[in-house]
Amino acid sequence: MKISHLCFVFFSLVLAGCSSSSTSLTYYVLHSPNAKVSKHNQPTQKVALQQLVLPDYLQQRSLTMLTGPATVYVSNQHVWAEPLDKSFVQALNGALLSDKNIEIIPPHRHAKQSSVAKLYVKIDDFIASSDGIVLLKGQFWLDGKGKSEKIQYFDFRRPMQGDGFEQAVVTMRQLVSDLATAISDEV
């Protein structure tokens, strides 16, 4: 009797596990894979991205939303498809190249080109808020090519045109373009 009772409990648990639905994930990329690259635009200037620093809450896969003055919601269903630091560099390079004809080159290529300015970017906040505003705050500085290490602070904010994480990511792309404009003004 005990064995049949244990078998019944075991099979009940197996069936219960099979009947529950798994949570589906939605993946996002910050850079725009659909953006076309113009073969005719050759970069007129280059910068070497030496460092990109992200806050800890952006160094994990989940998308986040500011839900209060000091609370951050971390989504389990909405995640970045690739590390945000990699996608941020791709988005920034795309915005600089398409809008400003400036190319970000890897630091190891910079050693061969001494006339290239070094770019440092520190992100303090890059988050959507529950009131429909997305913000990108931090600082950047350029070194080399006649530039002194003057820190440029930025605080870009844009309203989302709709609700949800997808719209937040679209707005984040626009904020990266705002940062690209600020960087290009200093190059």
Foldseek 3Di string as FASTA:
>chain_A
DVVVVVVVVVVVVVVVVVPDDDAAADEDFLADPPDDDDPPQAAPAEAEAPEEAEDPVLQDFFAWEAEDPPDIDTDPRYTYPDRNVVRLLNLLQVLCCVPPSYHYDYPVVVVVPQLHKYKYWYWPDFHHYPVQKTKTWTWMAIDHNPGDGDIDTDIDMDGFPDDDDVSSSVVSSVVSSVVSVVVSVVD
